C-alpha atoms as a PDB file:
ATOM      1  CA  MET A   1      13.386 -24.995  35.659  1.00  0.00           C
ATOM      2  CA  LYS A   2      16.969 -24.378  37.251  1.00  0.00           C
ATOM      3  CA  VAL A   3      17.839 -23.702  41.003  1.00  0.00           C
ATOM      4  CA  LEU A   4      21.584 -22.630  41.991  1.00  0.00           C
ATOM      5  CA  MET A   5      22.183 -24.111  45.526  1.00  0.00           C
ATOM      6  CA  ILE A   6      25.359 -22.515  47.495  1.00  0.00           C
ATOM      7  CA  ASN A   7      26.826 -24.545  50.353  1.00  0.00           C
ATOM      8  CA  GLY A   8      29.165 -21.747  52.194  1.00  0.00           C
ATOM      9  CA  SER A   9      30.577 -24.199  54.803  1.00  0.00           C
ATOM     10  CA  PRO A  10      34.293 -24.788  54.376  1.00  0.00           C
ATOM     11  CA  HIS A  11      32.552 -28.651  54.814  1.00  0.00           C
ATOM     12  CA  ALA A  12      31.568 -30.467  52.129  1.00  0.00           C
ATOM     13  CA  LYS A  13      29.875 -33.005  53.955  1.00  0.00           C
ATOM     14  CA  GLY A  14      28.840 -31.050  57.080  1.00  0.00           C
ATOM     15  CA  ASN A  15      25.599 -29.932  58.504  1.00  0.00           C
ATOM     16  CA  THR A  16      24.930 -27.011  55.881  1.00  0.00           C
ATOM     17  CA  ALA A  17      25.401 -29.757  53.185  1.00  0.00           C
ATOM     18  CA  ALA A  18      22.541 -31.816  55.004  1.00  0.00           C
ATOM     19  CA  ALA A  19      20.309 -28.754  55.042  1.00  0.00           C
ATOM     20  CA  LEU A  20      20.703 -28.252  51.367  1.00  0.00           C
ATOM     21  CA  GLU A  21      20.511 -31.892  49.791  1.00  0.00           C
ATOM     22  CA  GLU A  22      17.181 -31.813  52.041  1.00  0.00           C
ATOM     23  CA  MET A  23      16.111 -29.394  49.670  1.00  0.00           C
ATOM     24  CA  LYS A  24      17.833 -30.906  46.815  1.00  0.00           C
ATOM     25  CA  LYS A  25      15.695 -33.858  47.279  1.00  0.00           C
ATOM     26  CA  VAL A  26      12.350 -31.947  47.165  1.00  0.00           C
ATOM     27  CA  PHE A  27      13.347 -29.833  44.507  1.00  0.00           C
ATOM     28  CA  ASP A  28      14.379 -32.868  42.110  1.00  0.00           C
ATOM     29  CA  ALA A  29      10.777 -34.299  43.135  1.00  0.00           C
ATOM     30  CA  GLU A  30       8.961 -30.959  41.587  1.00  0.00           C
ATOM     31  CA  GLY A  31      11.253 -31.413  38.348  1.00  0.00           C
ATOM     32  CA  MET A  32      13.771 -28.712  38.709  1.00  0.00           C
ATOM     33  CA  GLU A  33      17.411 -29.074  37.919  1.00  0.00           C
ATOM     34  CA  ALA A  34      19.218 -28.335  41.122  1.00  0.00           C
ATOM     35  CA  GLU A  35      22.956 -27.968  41.328  1.00  0.00           C
ATOM     36  CA  ILE A  36      24.918 -27.440  44.576  1.00  0.00           C
ATOM     37  CA  LEU A  37      28.013 -25.496  44.445  1.00  0.00           C
ATOM     38  CA  HIS A  38      30.612 -25.958  47.188  1.00  0.00           C
ATOM     39  CA  ILE A  39      32.330 -22.537  47.729  1.00  0.00           C
ATOM     40  CA  GLY A  40      32.865 -22.541  51.405  1.00  0.00           C
ATOM     41  CA  ASN A  41      36.469 -23.833  51.140  1.00  0.00           C
ATOM     42  CA  LYS A  42      37.868 -21.936  47.798  1.00  0.00           C
ATOM     43  CA  ASP A  43      40.180 -19.147  48.239  1.00  0.00           C
ATOM     44  CA  ILE A  44      37.872 -16.219  47.096  1.00  0.00           C
ATOM     45  CA  ARG A  45      38.961 -12.856  48.262  1.00  0.00           C
ATOM     46  CA  GLY A  46      37.009  -9.478  49.196  1.00  0.00           C
ATOM     47  CA  CYS A  47      35.629  -6.746  46.734  1.00  0.00           C
ATOM     48  CA  ILE A  48      38.839  -4.025  46.481  1.00  0.00           C
ATOM     49  CA  ALA A  49      35.608  -1.679  44.656  1.00  0.00           C
ATOM     50  CA  CYS A  50      37.890  -0.819  41.533  1.00  0.00           C
ATOM     51  CA  ARG A  51      34.654  -0.884  39.353  1.00  0.00           C
ATOM     52  CA  SER A  52      36.340  -2.334  36.833  1.00  0.00           C
ATOM     53  CA  CYS A  53      33.317  -4.684  36.539  1.00  0.00           C
ATOM     54  CA  HIS A  54      31.425  -1.750  35.335  1.00  0.00           C
ATOM     55  CA  ASN A  55      33.486  -1.524  32.219  1.00  0.00           C
ATOM     56  CA  THR A  56      34.150  -5.705  31.671  1.00  0.00           C
ATOM     57  CA  GLY A  57      30.758  -6.947  32.553  1.00  0.00           C
ATOM     58  CA  LYS A  58      33.214  -9.212  35.618  1.00  0.00           C
ATOM     59  CA  CYS A  59      35.192  -9.551  38.555  1.00  0.00           C
ATOM     60  CA  VAL A  60      38.884  -8.544  38.084  1.00  0.00           C
ATOM     61  CA  PHE A  61      38.983 -11.215  39.866  1.00  0.00           C
ATOM     62  CA  ASP A  62      38.812 -14.146  37.493  1.00  0.00           C
ATOM     63  CA  ASP A  63      38.301 -17.184  39.902  1.00  0.00           C
ATOM     64  CA  PHE A  64      34.915 -19.006  40.788  1.00  0.00           C
ATOM     65  CA  VAL A  65      32.544 -15.878  41.074  1.00  0.00           C
ATOM     66  CA  ASN A  66      33.215 -15.189  37.451  1.00  0.00           C
ATOM     67  CA  GLU A  67      33.060 -18.975  36.634  1.00  0.00           C
ATOM     68  CA  THR A  68      29.699 -19.057  38.824  1.00  0.00           C
ATOM     69  CA  ALA A  69      27.881 -15.828  37.115  1.00  0.00           C
ATOM     70  CA  ALA A  70      26.249 -17.551  34.402  1.00  0.00           C
ATOM     71  CA  LYS A  71      25.147 -20.092  36.417  1.00  0.00           C
ATOM     72  CA  PHE A  72      23.736 -17.484  38.177  1.00  0.00           C
ATOM     73  CA  GLU A  73      22.179 -15.408  35.214  1.00  0.00           C
ATOM     74  CA  ALA A  74      20.264 -19.197  33.685  1.00  0.00           C
ATOM     75  CA  CYS A  75      18.850 -19.826  36.891  1.00  0.00           C
ATOM     76  CA  ASP A  76      15.361 -19.574  37.973  1.00  0.00           C
ATOM     77  CA  GLY A  77      16.218 -19.311  42.167  1.00  0.00           C
ATOM     78  CA  LEU A  78      19.247 -19.251  44.124  1.00  0.00           C
ATOM     79  CA  VAL A  79      19.319 -20.856  47.734  1.00  0.00           C
ATOM     80  CA  VAL A  80      22.315 -19.734  49.720  1.00  0.00           C
ATOM     81  CA  GLY A  81      23.317 -21.619  52.629  1.00  0.00           C
ATOM     82  CA  SER A  82      25.738 -20.624  55.605  1.00  0.00           C
ATOM     83  CA  PRO A  83      26.860 -21.665  59.170  1.00  0.00           C
ATOM     84  CA  VAL A  84      27.032 -19.381  61.620  1.00  0.00           C
ATOM     85  CA  TYR A  85      30.197 -17.763  62.414  1.00  0.00           C
ATOM     86  CA  TYR A  86      29.399 -15.080  65.172  1.00  0.00           C
ATOM     87  CA  ALA A  87      25.944 -14.061  64.602  1.00  0.00           C
ATOM     88  CA  SER A  88      27.566 -13.911  60.949  1.00  0.00           C
ATOM     89  CA  ALA A  89      27.693 -16.092  57.419  1.00  0.00           C
ATOM     90  CA  ASN A  90      30.881 -17.399  56.759  1.00  0.00           C
ATOM     91  CA  ALA A  91      33.290 -14.649  55.132  1.00  0.00           C
ATOM     92  CA  THR A  92      34.172 -16.703  52.123  1.00  0.00           C
ATOM     93  CA  LEU A  93      30.429 -16.751  51.148  1.00  0.00           C
ATOM     94  CA  ILE A  94      29.790 -12.933  52.058  1.00  0.00           C
ATOM     95  CA  ALA A  95      33.193 -11.868  49.813  1.00  0.00           C
ATOM     96  CA  PHE A  96      31.614 -14.165  46.798  1.00  0.00           C
ATOM     97  CA  LEU A  97      28.113 -13.031  47.369  1.00  0.00           C
ATOM     98  CA  ASP A  98      29.690  -9.435  47.235  1.00  0.00           C
ATOM     99  CA  ARG A  99      31.521  -9.819  44.170  1.00  0.00           C
ATOM    100  CA  LEU A 100      28.982 -12.025  42.378  1.00  0.00           C
ATOM    101  CA  PHE A 101      25.884  -9.467  42.846  1.00  0.00           C
ATOM    102  CA  TYR A 102      28.204  -6.851  42.175  1.00  0.00           C
ATOM    103  CA  SER A 103      29.961  -7.691  39.253  1.00  0.00           C
ATOM    104  CA  THR A 104      27.021  -8.942  37.430  1.00  0.00           C
ATOM    105  CA  HIS A 105      24.922  -6.712  35.378  1.00  0.00           C
ATOM    106  CA  PHE A 106      21.934  -9.108  34.186  1.00  0.00           C
ATOM    107  CA  ASP A 107      18.443  -8.094  35.404  1.00  0.00           C
ATOM    108  CA  LYS A 108      17.672 -10.413  39.017  1.00  0.00           C
ATOM    109  CA  THR A 109      14.219  -9.575  39.316  1.00  0.00           C
ATOM    110  CA  MET A 110      12.058 -11.978  39.731  1.00  0.00           C
ATOM    111  CA  LYS A 111      14.740 -14.669  40.478  1.00  0.00           C
ATOM    112  CA  VAL A 112      13.747 -16.790  43.521  1.00  0.00           C
ATOM    113  CA  GLY A 113      16.112 -16.168  46.642  1.00  0.00           C
ATOM    114  CA  ALA A 114      16.389 -18.134  49.173  1.00  0.00           C
ATOM    115  CA  SER A 115      18.900 -18.285  52.554  1.00  0.00           C
ATOM    116  CA  VAL A 116      19.472 -21.303  54.969  1.00  0.00           C
ATOM    117  CA  VAL A 117      21.677 -20.567  57.944  1.00  0.00           C
ATOM    118  CA  VAL A 118      23.044 -24.048  60.628  1.00  0.00           C
ATOM    119  CA  ALA A 119      24.005 -23.438  63.965  1.00  0.00           C
ATOM    120  CA  ARG A 120      24.633 -25.218  67.194  1.00  0.00           C
ATOM    121  CA  ARG A 121      22.406 -22.761  68.518  1.00  0.00           C
ATOM    122  CA  GLY A 122      22.352 -19.216  68.289  1.00  0.00           C
ATOM    123  CA  GLY A 123      22.949 -16.371  66.023  1.00  0.00           C
ATOM    124  CA  LEU A 124      20.612 -17.703  63.298  1.00  0.00           C
ATOM    125  CA  SER A 125      18.195 -15.092  62.561  1.00  0.00           C
ATOM    126  CA  ALA A 126      21.397 -12.581  62.244  1.00  0.00           C
ATOM    127  CA  THR A 127      22.375 -14.424  59.750  1.00  0.00           C
ATOM    128  CA  PHE A 128      19.269 -15.222  58.049  1.00  0.00           C
ATOM    129  CA  ASP A 129      18.635 -11.415  58.003  1.00  0.00           C
ATOM    130  CA  GLU A 130      21.940 -10.448  56.570  1.00  0.00           C
ATOM    131  CA  LEU A 131      21.975 -13.215  53.751  1.00  0.00           C
ATOM    132  CA  ASN A 132      18.425 -12.140  52.418  1.00  0.00           C
ATOM    133  CA  LYS A 133      19.245  -8.412  51.711  1.00  0.00           C
ATOM    134  CA  TYR A 134      21.203  -9.741  48.404  1.00  0.00           C
ATOM    135  CA  PHE A 135      18.059 -10.597  47.321  1.00  0.00           C
ATOM    136  CA  THR A 136      15.834  -7.718  48.180  1.00  0.00           C
ATOM    137  CA  ILE A 137      18.421  -5.310  47.083  1.00  0.00           C
ATOM    138  CA  CYS A 138      17.656  -6.515  43.355  1.00  0.00           C
ATOM    139  CA  GLY A 139      14.101  -7.232  42.837  1.00  0.00           C
ATOM    140  CA  MET A 140      14.657 -11.586  44.235  1.00  0.00           C
ATOM    141  CA  PRO A 141      11.337 -12.376  46.038  1.00  0.00           C
ATOM    142  CA  VAL A 142      12.214 -14.227  49.141  1.00  0.00           C
ATOM    143  CA  ALA A 143      10.908 -17.991  49.827  1.00  0.00           C
ATOM    144  CA  SER A 144       9.673 -18.392  53.395  1.00  0.00           C
ATOM    145  CA  SER A 145       8.976 -21.188  55.129  1.00  0.00           C
ATOM    146  CA  GLN A 146       6.595 -22.274  57.948  1.00  0.00           C
ATOM    147  CA  TYR A 147       9.475 -21.181  60.539  1.00  0.00           C
ATOM    148  CA  TRP A 148      13.116 -19.256  59.985  1.00  0.00           C
ATOM    149  CA  ASN A 149      15.399 -21.087  57.442  1.00  0.00           C
ATOM    150  CA  SER A 150      17.413 -22.648  59.648  1.00  0.00           C
ATOM    151  CA  VAL A 151      18.588 -26.179  61.013  1.00  0.00           C
ATOM    152  CA  HIS A 152      20.141 -27.117  64.260  1.00  0.00           C
ATOM    153  CA  GLY A 153      23.685 -28.778  64.321  1.00  0.00           C
ATOM    154  CA  GLN A 154      27.378 -28.526  65.344  1.00  0.00           C
ATOM    155  CA  MET A 155      29.227 -31.872  64.745  1.00  0.00           C
ATOM    156  CA  PRO A 156      28.478 -33.591  61.347  1.00  0.00           C
ATOM    157  CA  GLY A 157      25.695 -35.223  61.026  1.00  0.00           C
ATOM    158  CA  GLU A 158      23.517 -33.793  64.157  1.00  0.00           C
ATOM    159  CA  ALA A 159      21.113 -31.846  61.521  1.00  0.00           C
ATOM    160  CA  LEU A 160      20.065 -34.562  60.613  1.00  0.00           C
ATOM    161  CA  GLU A 161      18.393 -35.112  64.021  1.00  0.00           C
ATOM    162  CA  ASP A 162      16.443 -31.874  63.610  1.00  0.00           C
ATOM    163  CA  ALA A 163      13.363 -32.765  62.500  1.00  0.00           C
ATOM    164  CA  GLU A 164      11.906 -29.799  62.285  1.00  0.00           C
ATOM    165  CA  GLY A 165      14.679 -28.460  60.877  1.00  0.00           C
ATOM    166  CA  LEU A 166      14.532 -30.498  58.146  1.00  0.00           C
ATOM    167  CA  GLN A 167      10.568 -30.281  57.325  1.00  0.00           C
ATOM    168  CA  THR A 168      11.236 -26.570  57.480  1.00  0.00           C
ATOM    169  CA  MET A 169      13.867 -27.091  54.226  1.00  0.00           C
ATOM    170  CA  ARG A 170      11.484 -29.506  52.466  1.00  0.00           C
ATOM    171  CA  THR A 171       8.487 -26.626  53.428  1.00  0.00           C
ATOM    172  CA  LEU A 172      11.131 -23.929  51.530  1.00  0.00           C
ATOM    173  CA  ALA A 173      11.911 -25.989  48.825  1.00  0.00           C
ATOM    174  CA  ARG A 174       8.417 -26.665  48.185  1.00  0.00           C
ATOM    175  CA  ASN A 175       7.302 -23.324  48.283  1.00  0.00           C
ATOM    176  CA  MET A 176      10.570 -22.187  46.149  1.00  0.00           C
ATOM    177  CA  SER A 177       8.895 -24.625  42.971  1.00  0.00           C
ATOM    178  CA  PHE A 178       5.751 -23.008  43.718  1.00  0.00           C
ATOM    179  CA  LEU A 179       6.982 -19.388  43.345  1.00  0.00           C
ATOM    180  CA  MET A 180       9.046 -20.290  40.485  1.00  0.00           C
ATOM    181  CA  LYS A 181       6.792 -22.046  38.722  1.00  0.00           C
ATOM    182  CA  SER A 182       3.956 -18.953  39.452  1.00  0.00           C
ATOM    183  CA  ILE A 183       6.792 -16.311  38.299  1.00  0.00           C
ATOM    184  CA  ALA A 184       7.267 -17.917  35.267  1.00  0.00           C
ATOM    185  CA  LEU A 185       3.500 -18.734  34.401  1.00  0.00           C
ATOM    186  CA  GLY A 186       3.055 -14.942  35.470  1.00  0.00           C
ATOM    187  CA  LYS A 187       6.220 -13.696  32.995  1.00  0.00           C
ATOM    188  CA  LYS A 188       4.906 -15.782  29.984  1.00  0.00           C
ATOM    189  CA  GLU A 189       1.584 -13.865  30.924  1.00  0.00           C
ATOM    190  CA  TYR A 190       2.186 -10.135  31.877  1.00  0.00           C
ATOM    191  CA  GLY A 191       5.623  -9.926  31.313  1.00  0.00           C
ATOM    192  CA  LEU A 192       8.294  -8.229  34.242  1.00  0.00           C
ATOM    193  CA  PRO A 193       7.044  -5.582  36.043  1.00  0.00           C
ATOM    194  CA  GLU A 194       7.908  -2.096  34.668  1.00  0.00           C
ATOM    195  CA  LYS A 195      10.938  -0.556  35.589  1.00  0.00           C
ATOM    196  CA  GLU A 196      11.381   3.346  36.255  1.00  0.00           C
ATOM    197  CA  GLU A 197      15.475   4.916  35.590  1.00  0.00           C
ATOM    198  CA  GLY A 198      17.456   3.974  38.557  1.00  0.00           C
ATOM    199  CA  LEU A 199      17.534   7.520  40.625  1.00  0.00           C
ATOM    200  CA  HIS A 200      20.416   7.969  42.401  1.00  0.00           C
ATOM    201  CA  THR A 201      20.351  10.448  46.072  1.00  0.00           C
ATOM    202  CA  ASN A 202      23.578  11.127  47.366  1.00  0.00           C
ATOM    203  CA  PHE A 203      23.029  12.358  51.355  1.00  0.00           C
ATOM    204  CA  VAL A 204      26.801  13.792  51.953  1.00  0.00           C
ATOM    205  CA  ARG A 205      26.959  17.334  49.183  1.00  0.00           C
END
């Protein structure tokens, strides 16, 4: 089974990376194929709502978003990690996720999602909620842990001193592995949930 992990921090070896690496150790032990992509330092512009992807199936800006799309489609679970900026995720990561989720038209139902947030002190819960919305709008179950999926640390390496935060990451990875395996068995036995044709209600007439 495959897990795609997105590091939205501009620092490839910072505290967000440390949190994701702690999860990856568990995924490796669980027999999962886990890959970490570092996107926080890339030049990724935001969506311009041109809707070109509705016709082509890919974003009009042919960059790392389109390169990641096939890996997203192939994965059984997606982990998104971000540092906290003003009680929000890194803007580069948000631009990346907006375009990745909107331009990819494959069925994301029952891919397991998990968000991981890192901060010196505050803004973690708001960022955690923000990232989870990408999963819950498209039928992706959200993996949980023993606490909200957060780690504290400011300077590089400080996350490694947050024993509870690292334990939260390990628990999250174990729970996510269990969910992915259980969903795979369920899909084999019962298939995916029945889908109705989409309804779109506009509130401005």
